[in-house]
């Protein structure tokens, strides 16, 4: 590929950090993970951060910690990755899918309100592409209806809404460190919360429901432990945590590079008839985990034709995402009405996410723009 859809930015410092971690006796649930969690808390501004093996597991544990179960419904947006709905079904609950805005592709208070029933217990908001949802309106609606908010922050490490940081507005915030995300640990994720009870329970749940981990037992010179509830093996190991610490040190630099690339894209693509550039609202930042354009009817090619043209020129692009309500598994399991999602149905054949990554060169940006032009 001349311009891949994504390339992880791994430095020599990252590599040295990983090699150093391999010299430690504790390779999981050790002091490096604890340090990563503490540094992450300082960056986000929450008292508790709990490292886990993926953002999917972060979402799953969040739902478990607030006791979501088979009689409950959880509202999720239709423009998101499958895991946002999957985790609801892991708990035996029903994901209730709702529509999104046609410009930011974010869930809205209005779309949530239409889906609330007596069974609704929580809402998972996804800050699509690195730009926050309209949280004032969503928070008020959820307070009025006594609903939990869980923030899916897979795209939004460093995103802010007004004077608040994404991840600090729900009962939990769930971050991804998958290779395409803002920082990476290969696989991995983080749960942040201000709630001590939630944090304590999540820490136990990620390690099979144990009340004390082996390293702490050794430090306290005791062998006894208890399993207080059914848990999971959702730990983030020391090797990945060491990479996370190294990457977190330059998260602002990573985001600044993404923003700079996005601004160059927007300046040039805005001149091309039939291409709609991403919308950025005035009261929040946009860190551009994704740079998603819309291919309008007055562009010479359809979205799919443009995708293939770009691929033929060695340019990686992606559709992020096809709506959940159109996925085979969701369609077969739930009888959602297709016409309940007019905005998502409108944009599903228009959206195209272009390559954007911190090490992307100006020459590569020009090549993508000129190919579209």
Protein backbone atom coordinates (compact mmCIF):
# COMPACT_ATOMS: atom_id res chain seq x y z
CA UNK A 1 0.00 0.00 0.00
CA UNK A 2 1.24 3.47 -0.85
CA UNK A 3 -1.00 4.87 1.88
CA UNK A 4 -2.32 2.24 4.30
CA UNK A 5 -5.52 2.89 6.20
CA UNK A 6 -3.54 2.79 9.42
CA UNK A 7 0.04 2.36 10.61
CA UNK A 8 0.95 2.06 14.29
CA UNK A 9 3.61 4.53 15.44
CA UNK A 10 6.07 2.38 17.39
CA UNK A 11 9.30 4.08 18.47
CA UNK A 12 12.59 2.71 19.78
CA UNK A 13 11.53 3.93 23.23
CA UNK A 14 8.40 1.78 22.95
CA UNK A 15 10.50 -1.26 22.05
CA UNK A 16 12.95 -0.69 24.91
CA UNK A 17 10.05 -0.37 27.37
CA UNK A 18 8.64 -3.73 26.27
CA UNK A 19 12.03 -5.47 26.48
CA UNK A 20 12.57 -4.01 29.96
CA UNK A 21 9.20 -5.38 31.09
CA UNK A 22 10.27 -8.88 30.05
CA UNK A 23 12.97 -8.81 32.71
CA UNK A 24 10.39 -8.53 35.51
CA UNK A 25 9.27 -11.51 37.56
CA UNK A 26 5.63 -10.48 37.51
CA UNK A 27 4.43 -10.58 33.88
CA UNK A 28 0.79 -9.99 34.73
CA UNK A 29 -1.01 -8.07 37.50
CA UNK A 30 2.29 -6.47 38.39
CA UNK A 31 3.71 -3.04 39.21
CA UNK A 32 3.91 -1.87 35.57
CA UNK A 33 0.16 -2.24 35.10
CA UNK A 34 -0.40 -0.41 38.38
CA UNK A 35 1.84 2.43 37.15
CA UNK A 36 0.02 2.57 33.80
CA UNK A 37 -3.33 2.78 35.58
CA UNK A 38 -2.10 5.58 37.83
CA UNK A 39 -0.68 7.58 34.93
CA UNK A 40 -3.86 7.06 32.92
CA UNK A 41 -5.95 8.34 35.84
CA UNK A 42 -3.84 11.48 36.02
CA UNK A 43 -4.26 12.08 32.29
CA UNK A 44 -8.03 11.54 32.25
CA UNK A 45 -8.76 13.05 35.66
CA UNK A 46 -10.53 10.18 37.38
CA UNK A 47 -9.45 8.56 40.66
CA UNK A 48 -9.72 5.01 39.30
CA UNK A 49 -8.41 3.33 36.14
CA UNK A 50 -8.48 -0.43 35.62
CA UNK A 51 -6.51 -2.00 32.77
CA UNK A 52 -8.20 -4.83 30.90
CA UNK A 53 -7.56 -6.96 27.83
CA UNK A 54 -9.74 -4.97 25.41
CA UNK A 55 -12.33 -2.19 25.19
CA UNK A 56 -14.92 -4.90 24.58
CA UNK A 57 -14.07 -6.36 27.97
CA UNK A 58 -14.12 -2.87 29.50
CA UNK A 59 -17.70 -2.41 28.28
CA UNK A 60 -18.68 -5.92 29.41
CA UNK A 61 -17.30 -5.41 32.93
CA UNK A 62 -18.98 -2.00 33.13
CA UNK A 63 -22.37 -3.58 32.41
CA UNK A 64 -21.67 -6.39 34.87
CA UNK A 65 -20.67 -3.91 37.59
CA UNK A 66 -24.01 -2.08 37.32
CA UNK A 67 -25.87 -5.41 37.34
CA UNK A 68 -27.29 -5.35 33.82
CA UNK A 69 -29.15 -8.62 33.35
CA UNK A 70 -31.65 -10.57 31.23
CA UNK A 71 -34.65 -8.36 32.03
CA UNK A 72 -32.85 -5.14 31.02
CA UNK A 73 -32.49 -3.06 27.88
CA UNK A 74 -29.45 -0.98 26.96
CA UNK A 75 -29.63 1.67 24.23
CA UNK A 76 -26.73 1.79 21.75
CA UNK A 77 -26.16 3.70 18.48
CA UNK A 78 -26.44 1.92 15.15
CA UNK A 79 -23.24 3.48 13.79
CA UNK A 80 -20.64 1.66 15.88
CA UNK A 81 -18.61 -1.53 15.92
CA UNK A 82 -20.43 -4.78 16.75
CA UNK A 83 -18.87 -5.06 20.22
CA UNK A 84 -20.98 -2.15 21.54
CA UNK A 85 -24.08 -4.29 21.10
CA UNK A 86 -22.40 -7.66 21.72
CA UNK A 87 -21.48 -6.79 25.31
CA UNK A 88 -25.14 -6.15 26.14
CA UNK A 89 -25.99 -9.64 24.90
CA UNK A 90 -23.09 -11.10 26.93
CA UNK A 91 -25.12 -10.06 29.98
CA UNK A 92 -28.30 -11.62 28.58
CA UNK A 93 -29.84 -8.16 28.09
CA UNK A 94 -31.31 -6.64 24.95
CA UNK A 95 -29.42 -4.01 22.94
CA UNK A 96 -31.91 -1.42 21.72
CA UNK A 97 -30.43 0.25 18.66
CA UNK A 98 -31.12 3.89 17.86
CA UNK A 99 -30.39 6.35 15.08
CA UNK A 100 -27.56 8.90 14.88
CA UNK A 101 -26.90 12.41 13.59
CA UNK A 102 -26.28 12.56 9.86
CA UNK A 103 -23.25 14.85 10.17
CA UNK A 104 -21.29 13.68 13.26
CA UNK A 105 -22.70 10.10 13.25
CA UNK A 106 -23.16 10.40 17.04
CA UNK A 107 -26.10 9.25 19.14
CA UNK A 108 -28.42 12.06 20.29
CA UNK A 109 -30.75 12.68 23.22
CA UNK A 110 -33.69 12.84 20.80
CA UNK A 111 -32.92 9.41 19.31
CA UNK A 112 -32.38 7.92 22.78
CA UNK A 113 -35.67 9.33 24.08
CA UNK A 114 -37.66 7.52 21.39
CA UNK A 115 -36.26 4.16 22.53
CA UNK A 116 -36.69 4.41 26.31
CA UNK A 117 -39.04 1.84 27.88
CA UNK A 118 -39.69 0.60 31.42
CA UNK A 119 -36.94 -1.97 30.85
CA UNK A 120 -34.25 0.55 29.86
CA UNK A 121 -31.44 0.65 32.41
CA UNK A 122 -28.45 2.18 30.60
CA UNK A 123 -27.21 3.97 27.49
CA UNK A 124 -23.85 3.37 25.83
CA UNK A 125 -22.72 6.54 24.05
CA UNK A 126 -20.01 6.25 21.38
CA UNK A 127 -17.96 9.39 20.73
CA UNK A 128 -17.62 8.65 17.04
CA UNK A 129 -14.32 9.33 15.33
CA UNK A 130 -12.90 11.34 18.24
CA UNK A 131 -15.65 13.95 18.73
CA UNK A 132 -17.91 13.95 21.78
CA UNK A 133 -21.66 13.46 21.68
CA UNK A 134 -23.94 16.28 22.93
CA UNK A 135 -23.51 15.22 26.53
CA UNK A 136 -25.46 18.00 28.30
CA UNK A 137 -28.70 16.91 26.64
CA UNK A 138 -27.94 13.20 27.02
CA UNK A 139 -27.02 13.53 30.70
CA UNK A 140 -30.21 15.44 31.50
CA UNK A 141 -32.36 12.86 29.73
CA UNK A 142 -30.63 10.01 31.56
CA UNK A 143 -30.92 11.73 34.95
CA UNK A 144 -34.63 12.32 34.38
CA UNK A 145 -35.10 8.64 33.54
CA UNK A 146 -32.63 7.22 36.08
CA UNK A 147 -30.42 5.64 33.43
CA UNK A 148 -26.73 4.85 33.67
CA UNK A 149 -24.41 6.27 31.02
CA UNK A 150 -21.43 4.21 29.86
CA UNK A 151 -19.03 6.03 27.55
CA UNK A 152 -17.49 4.04 24.70
CA UNK A 153 -14.29 6.07 24.30
CA UNK A 154 -12.55 3.72 21.88
CA UNK A 155 -12.06 6.67 19.49
CA UNK A 156 -11.71 9.48 21.98
CA UNK A 157 -8.58 9.40 24.15
CA UNK A 158 -7.97 13.14 24.50
CA UNK A 159 -11.40 14.29 23.32
CA UNK A 160 -13.20 16.98 25.31
CA UNK A 161 -16.77 18.23 25.58
CA UNK A 162 -16.77 21.85 26.69
CA UNK A 163 -14.49 21.74 29.77
CA UNK A 164 -14.91 18.01 30.44
CA UNK A 165 -12.83 15.07 29.25
CA UNK A 166 -14.47 12.15 27.47
CA UNK A 167 -14.60 9.20 29.84
CA UNK A 168 -15.43 11.31 32.91
CA UNK A 169 -19.12 11.93 32.18
CA UNK A 170 -20.57 8.43 32.57
CA UNK A 171 -20.53 5.90 35.38
CA UNK A 172 -17.57 4.46 33.47
CA UNK A 173 -15.50 5.38 30.43
CA UNK A 174 -14.11 2.57 28.27
CA UNK A 175 -10.97 3.03 26.16
CA UNK A 176 -9.36 0.89 23.47
CA UNK A 177 -5.66 0.30 22.83
CA UNK A 178 -6.18 -1.75 19.66
CA UNK A 179 -3.47 -1.05 17.02
CA UNK A 180 -5.63 1.42 15.07
CA UNK A 181 -6.53 3.50 18.13
CA UNK A 182 -4.95 6.70 19.52
CA UNK A 183 -2.38 4.77 21.56
CA UNK A 184 -1.82 1.03 21.35
CA UNK A 185 -0.82 -1.87 23.54
CA UNK A 186 -1.49 -4.37 20.72
CA UNK A 187 -4.66 -5.57 22.39
CA UNK A 188 -5.91 -3.89 25.53
CA UNK A 189 -8.29 -1.43 27.11
CA UNK A 190 -8.98 0.68 30.19
CA UNK A 191 -12.01 1.40 32.37
CA UNK A 192 -12.09 4.72 34.19
CA UNK A 193 -14.56 5.72 36.88
CA UNK A 194 -15.10 8.09 39.78
CA UNK A 195 -17.05 5.42 41.66
CA UNK A 196 -14.96 3.48 44.21
CA UNK A 197 -17.49 0.65 44.49
CA UNK A 198 -17.53 0.14 40.71
CA UNK A 199 -13.71 0.24 40.56
CA UNK A 200 -13.32 -2.34 43.34
CA UNK A 201 -15.79 -4.69 41.73
CA UNK A 202 -14.29 -4.36 38.25
CA UNK A 203 -10.78 -5.09 39.58
CA UNK A 204 -12.09 -8.31 41.10
CA UNK A 205 -14.14 -9.28 38.04
CA UNK A 206 -11.19 -8.95 35.64
CA UNK A 207 -9.32 -11.66 37.65
CA UNK A 208 -11.92 -14.40 38.11
CA UNK A 209 -13.67 -12.61 40.98
CA UNK A 210 -10.66 -12.96 43.32
CA UNK A 211 -10.63 -10.74 46.36
CA UNK A 212 -6.79 -10.45 46.36
CA UNK A 213 -4.32 -11.03 43.51
CA UNK A 214 -1.17 -13.22 43.86
CA UNK A 215 1.31 -10.30 43.99
CA UNK A 216 -0.58 -8.68 46.86
CA UNK A 217 -0.79 -12.01 48.69
CA UNK A 218 2.96 -12.36 48.42
CA UNK A 219 3.53 -8.82 49.69
CA UNK A 220 1.27 -9.50 52.67
CA UNK A 221 2.84 -12.94 53.30
CA UNK A 222 -0.45 -14.78 53.12
CA UNK A 223 -1.82 -17.52 50.89
CA UNK A 224 -5.57 -17.16 51.53
CA UNK A 225 -7.85 -15.76 48.85
CA UNK A 226 -11.53 -16.03 48.05
CA UNK A 227 -13.64 -16.01 44.89
CA UNK A 228 -16.41 -13.57 45.75
CA UNK A 229 -18.36 -13.89 42.48
CA UNK A 230 -18.04 -15.39 39.02
CA UNK A 231 -15.43 -13.38 37.12
CA UNK A 232 -13.33 -13.42 33.97
CA UNK A 233 -9.76 -13.56 32.74
CA UNK A 234 -9.70 -10.01 31.38
CA UNK A 235 -6.31 -8.83 32.63
CA UNK A 236 -3.90 -6.48 30.85
CA UNK A 237 -0.41 -7.95 31.18
CA UNK A 238 2.82 -6.15 32.11
CA UNK A 239 4.26 -6.27 28.60
CA UNK A 240 1.30 -4.49 27.06
CA UNK A 241 1.09 -2.09 30.01
CA UNK A 242 4.74 -1.10 29.46
CA UNK A 243 3.96 -0.23 25.84
CA UNK A 244 0.92 1.70 27.06
CA UNK A 245 3.01 3.81 29.44
CA UNK A 246 5.47 4.63 26.68
CA UNK A 247 2.72 5.57 24.23
CA UNK A 248 0.76 7.59 26.78
CA UNK A 249 3.75 9.90 27.24
CA UNK A 250 3.22 11.22 23.71
CA UNK A 251 -0.57 11.00 23.41
CA UNK A 252 -0.89 14.78 22.99
CA UNK A 253 1.74 14.72 20.25
CA UNK A 254 -0.13 11.88 18.54
CA UNK A 255 -3.40 13.82 18.65
CA UNK A 256 -1.75 17.04 17.47
CA UNK A 257 -0.42 15.19 14.42
CA UNK A 258 -3.85 13.74 13.67
CA UNK A 259 -5.46 17.18 13.93
CA UNK A 260 -2.81 18.72 11.65
CA UNK A 261 -3.37 16.00 9.03
CA UNK A 262 -7.16 16.42 9.28
CA UNK A 263 -6.89 20.19 8.76
CA UNK A 264 -4.86 19.65 5.59
CA UNK A 265 -7.40 17.09 4.35
CA UNK A 266 -10.28 19.48 5.06
CA UNK A 267 -8.65 22.47 3.32
CA UNK A 268 -8.13 20.49 0.13
CA UNK A 269 -11.16 18.20 0.08
CA UNK A 270 -13.51 21.11 0.76
CA UNK A 271 -12.65 22.33 -2.75
CA UNK A 272 -13.88 19.12 -4.39
CA UNK A 273 -17.50 19.11 -5.48
CA UNK A 274 -19.48 16.20 -4.08
CA UNK A 275 -17.22 15.55 -1.08
CA UNK A 276 -18.49 16.56 2.38
CA UNK A 277 -15.77 16.88 5.01
CA UNK A 278 -16.25 16.00 8.72
CA UNK A 279 -18.25 18.43 10.83
CA UNK A 280 -16.64 19.77 14.01
CA UNK A 281 -18.91 21.37 16.58
CA UNK A 282 -17.71 24.60 18.23
CA UNK A 283 -17.93 23.63 21.90
CA UNK A 284 -15.67 20.55 21.72
CA UNK A 285 -12.46 19.33 20.11
CA UNK A 286 -12.07 16.62 17.49
CA UNK A 287 -8.98 14.42 17.61
CA UNK A 288 -9.77 12.58 14.35
CA UNK A 289 -9.28 8.98 15.25
CA UNK A 290 -11.31 8.69 12.05
CA UNK A 291 -11.45 11.13 9.14
CA UNK A 292 -14.80 10.22 7.59
CA UNK A 293 -16.08 11.98 4.48
CA UNK A 294 -19.44 11.67 2.78
CA UNK A 295 -19.58 10.99 -0.96
CA UNK A 296 -22.57 12.95 -2.23
CA UNK A 297 -24.73 12.37 -5.31
CA UNK A 298 -22.98 15.14 -7.28
CA UNK A 299 -19.60 13.42 -7.03
CA UNK A 300 -18.79 11.51 -10.27
CA UNK A 301 -18.46 8.16 -8.50
CA UNK A 302 -20.49 6.32 -5.87
CA UNK A 303 -18.89 5.63 -2.51
CA UNK A 304 -18.16 2.03 -3.47
CA UNK A 305 -16.67 3.07 -6.81
CA UNK A 306 -14.43 5.60 -5.07
CA UNK A 307 -13.34 2.97 -2.54
CA UNK A 308 -12.27 0.66 -5.38
CA UNK A 309 -10.51 3.49 -7.25
CA UNK A 310 -8.53 4.38 -4.15
CA UNK A 311 -7.66 0.72 -3.55
CA UNK A 312 -6.39 0.43 -7.14
CA UNK A 313 -4.04 3.34 -6.39
CA UNK A 314 -2.69 1.69 -3.24
CA UNK A 315 -4.77 3.78 -0.82
CA UNK A 316 -6.45 2.07 2.13
CA UNK A 317 -9.91 3.32 3.03
CA UNK A 318 -12.70 1.79 5.11
CA UNK A 319 -16.41 2.12 5.85
CA UNK A 320 -16.68 2.88 9.58
CA UNK A 321 -19.34 1.58 10.11
CA UNK A 322 -22.12 -0.28 8.41
CA UNK A 323 -25.15 0.21 10.70
CA UNK A 324 -25.75 -2.50 13.27
CA UNK A 325 -29.42 -2.81 12.34
CA UNK A 326 -28.37 -4.09 8.90
CA UNK A 327 -25.96 -6.76 10.16
CA UNK A 328 -27.19 -10.31 9.56
CA UNK A 329 -26.92 -11.48 13.16
CA UNK A 330 -28.72 -8.44 14.58
CA UNK A 331 -31.41 -8.57 11.88
CA UNK A 332 -32.08 -12.25 12.55
CA UNK A 333 -32.12 -11.92 16.34
CA UNK A 334 -34.16 -8.72 16.66
CA UNK A 335 -36.99 -7.45 14.52
CA UNK A 336 -35.84 -3.84 14.30
CA UNK A 337 -37.73 -1.81 11.76
CA UNK A 338 -35.40 -0.54 9.08
CA UNK A 339 -37.32 2.74 8.77
CA UNK A 340 -36.55 3.53 12.44
CA UNK A 341 -33.10 4.65 11.31
CA UNK A 342 -33.59 7.30 8.59
CA UNK A 343 -30.31 9.13 9.23
CA UNK A 344 -28.15 6.00 9.34
CA UNK A 345 -29.91 4.60 6.28
CA UNK A 346 -29.15 7.84 4.45
CA UNK A 347 -25.43 7.93 5.22
CA UNK A 348 -24.65 4.21 5.04
CA UNK A 349 -23.86 4.42 1.32
CA UNK A 350 -22.03 7.74 1.63
CA UNK A 351 -19.52 7.43 4.46
CA UNK A 352 -15.90 6.61 3.71
CA UNK A 353 -13.09 6.78 6.25
CA UNK A 354 -9.80 7.91 4.74
CA UNK A 355 -6.32 6.96 5.97
CA UNK A 356 -5.15 8.97 8.97
CA UNK A 357 -2.32 8.04 11.35
CA UNK A 358 0.38 9.99 13.23
CA UNK A 359 3.27 9.09 10.92
CA UNK A 360 1.33 9.98 7.76
CA UNK A 361 3.35 12.36 5.59
CA UNK A 362 2.21 15.50 3.82
CA UNK A 363 3.08 13.76 0.55
CA UNK A 364 0.75 10.88 1.42
CA UNK A 365 -2.08 13.32 2.25
CA UNK A 366 -1.55 15.04 -1.12
CA UNK A 367 -1.62 11.69 -2.90
CA UNK A 368 -4.98 10.78 -1.31
CA UNK A 369 -6.47 14.21 -2.09
CA UNK A 370 -5.23 14.22 -5.68
CA UNK A 371 -6.58 10.71 -6.22
CA UNK A 372 -10.02 11.83 -5.02
CA UNK A 373 -9.78 15.00 -7.10
